[in-house]
Every structure is written in C-alpha cells, then in structure tokens.
C-alpha cells in the first residue's frame, strides 16, 4: 500500500468515522442525566484535595 491509498481511506472513511463520533457525542448530551454528569465533570479541576500525594515508590 502506498501513500495515495492511505490518503484516500483517510479522506473517505476517516471523515465518516469522525462524523459518527461527533454525532455520538452530541447525542450523549441529550440523554437523561447528562446535564448532571457534565456539571460534575466540570467541577473536577476545582475540587480541593486536602490529603497529600504519597510517593508510590516509598510504600
């Protein structure tokens, strides 16, 4: 297989695959409970971790 065959596959089936993933992600946002899960995921970086991170090498 040469470069042109890979490029043709990426142009056609790659586009179809990425469009299907996009539609799937958008559809997931309309499922019941998705708003609550998205709000919880958005708060992950803001959570205050009060416990120290232990060195895994010194168990």
C-alpha atoms as a PDB file:
ATOM      1  CA  UNK A   1       0.000   0.000   0.000  1.00  0.00           C
ATOM      2  CA  UNK A   2       1.293   3.389  -0.844  1.00  0.00           C
ATOM      3  CA  UNK A   3       0.602   6.876   0.392  1.00  0.00           C
ATOM      4  CA  UNK A   4      -2.228   7.583  -2.063  1.00  0.00           C
ATOM      5  CA  UNK A   5      -4.291   4.609  -0.866  1.00  0.00           C
ATOM      6  CA  UNK A   6      -3.894   5.650   2.786  1.00  0.00           C
ATOM      7  CA  UNK A   7      -4.835   9.215   1.897  1.00  0.00           C
ATOM      8  CA  UNK A   8      -7.978   8.084   0.061  1.00  0.00           C
ATOM      9  CA  UNK A   9      -9.018   5.925   3.019  1.00  0.00           C
ATOM     10  CA  UNK A  10      -8.465   8.808   5.417  1.00  0.00           C
ATOM     11  CA  UNK A  11     -10.376  11.197   3.178  1.00  0.00           C
ATOM     12  CA  UNK A  12     -13.427   8.980   2.902  1.00  0.00           C
ATOM     13  CA  UNK A  13     -13.743   6.556   5.820  1.00  0.00           C
ATOM     14  CA  UNK A  14     -11.875   8.795   8.247  1.00  0.00           C
ATOM     15  CA  UNK A  15     -14.384  11.547   7.637  1.00  0.00           C
ATOM     16  CA  UNK A  16     -17.294   9.140   8.117  1.00  0.00           C
ATOM     17  CA  UNK A  17     -15.759   7.821  11.360  1.00  0.00           C
ATOM     18  CA  UNK A  18     -15.122  11.276  12.830  1.00  0.00           C
ATOM     19  CA  UNK A  19     -18.618  12.444  11.868  1.00  0.00           C
ATOM     20  CA  UNK A  20     -20.117   9.379  13.595  1.00  0.00           C
ATOM     21  CA  UNK A  21     -18.095  10.121  16.734  1.00  0.00           C
ATOM     22  CA  UNK A  22     -19.257  13.739  16.645  1.00  0.00           C
ATOM     23  CA  UNK A  23     -22.912  12.739  16.298  1.00  0.00           C
ATOM     24  CA  UNK A  24     -22.486  10.190  19.105  1.00  0.00           C
ATOM     25  CA  UNK A  25     -21.058  12.764  21.500  1.00  0.00           C
ATOM     26  CA  UNK A  26     -23.817  15.229  20.693  1.00  0.00           C
ATOM     27  CA  UNK A  27     -26.452  12.502  21.168  1.00  0.00           C
ATOM     28  CA  UNK A  28     -24.994  11.602  24.558  1.00  0.00           C
ATOM     29  CA  UNK A  29     -25.629  15.159  25.731  1.00  0.00           C
ATOM     30  CA  UNK A  30     -29.361  14.674  25.204  1.00  0.00           C
ATOM     31  CA  UNK A  31     -29.623  11.512  27.316  1.00  0.00           C
ATOM     32  CA  UNK A  32     -31.401  11.772  30.674  1.00  0.00           C
ATOM     33  CA  UNK A  33     -28.970  12.731  33.422  1.00  0.00           C
ATOM     34  CA  UNK A  34     -26.297  14.036  31.057  1.00  0.00           C
ATOM     35  CA  UNK A  35     -26.534  17.595  32.381  1.00  0.00           C
ATOM     36  CA  UNK A  36     -25.819  16.414  35.914  1.00  0.00           C
ATOM     37  CA  UNK A  37     -22.839  14.298  34.801  1.00  0.00           C
ATOM     38  CA  UNK A  38     -21.424  17.166  32.733  1.00  0.00           C
ATOM     39  CA  UNK A  39     -21.724  19.548  35.677  1.00  0.00           C
ATOM     40  CA  UNK A  40     -19.930  17.067  37.947  1.00  0.00           C
ATOM     41  CA  UNK A  41     -17.144  16.568  35.394  1.00  0.00           C
ATOM     42  CA  UNK A  42     -16.735  20.347  35.034  1.00  0.00           C
ATOM     43  CA  UNK A  43     -16.078  20.658  38.784  1.00  0.00           C
ATOM     44  CA  UNK A  44     -13.252  18.065  38.903  1.00  0.00           C
ATOM     45  CA  UNK A  45     -10.395  20.607  38.450  1.00  0.00           C
ATOM     46  CA  UNK A  46     -11.853  22.821  41.179  1.00  0.00           C
ATOM     47  CA  UNK A  47     -12.079  20.147  43.889  1.00  0.00           C
ATOM     48  CA  UNK A  48      -9.851  20.735  46.893  1.00  0.00           C
ATOM     49  CA  UNK A  49      -7.719  17.696  47.638  1.00  0.00           C
ATOM     50  CA  UNK A  50      -6.685  18.050  51.286  1.00  0.00           C
ATOM     51  CA  UNK A  51      -4.701  14.825  51.538  1.00  0.00           C
ATOM     52  CA  UNK A  52      -1.040  14.795  50.475  1.00  0.00           C
ATOM     53  CA  UNK A  53       0.029  12.833  47.453  1.00  0.00           C
ATOM     54  CA  UNK A  54       2.098   9.909  48.658  1.00  0.00           C
ATOM     55  CA  UNK A  55       5.206   8.791  46.856  1.00  0.00           C
ATOM     56  CA  UNK A  56       4.352   5.427  45.328  1.00  0.00           C
ATOM     57  CA  UNK A  57       7.988   4.296  45.434  1.00  0.00           C
ATOM     58  CA  UNK A  58       8.115   4.521  49.263  1.00  0.00           C
ATOM     59  CA  UNK A  59       5.329   2.187  50.257  1.00  0.00           C
END
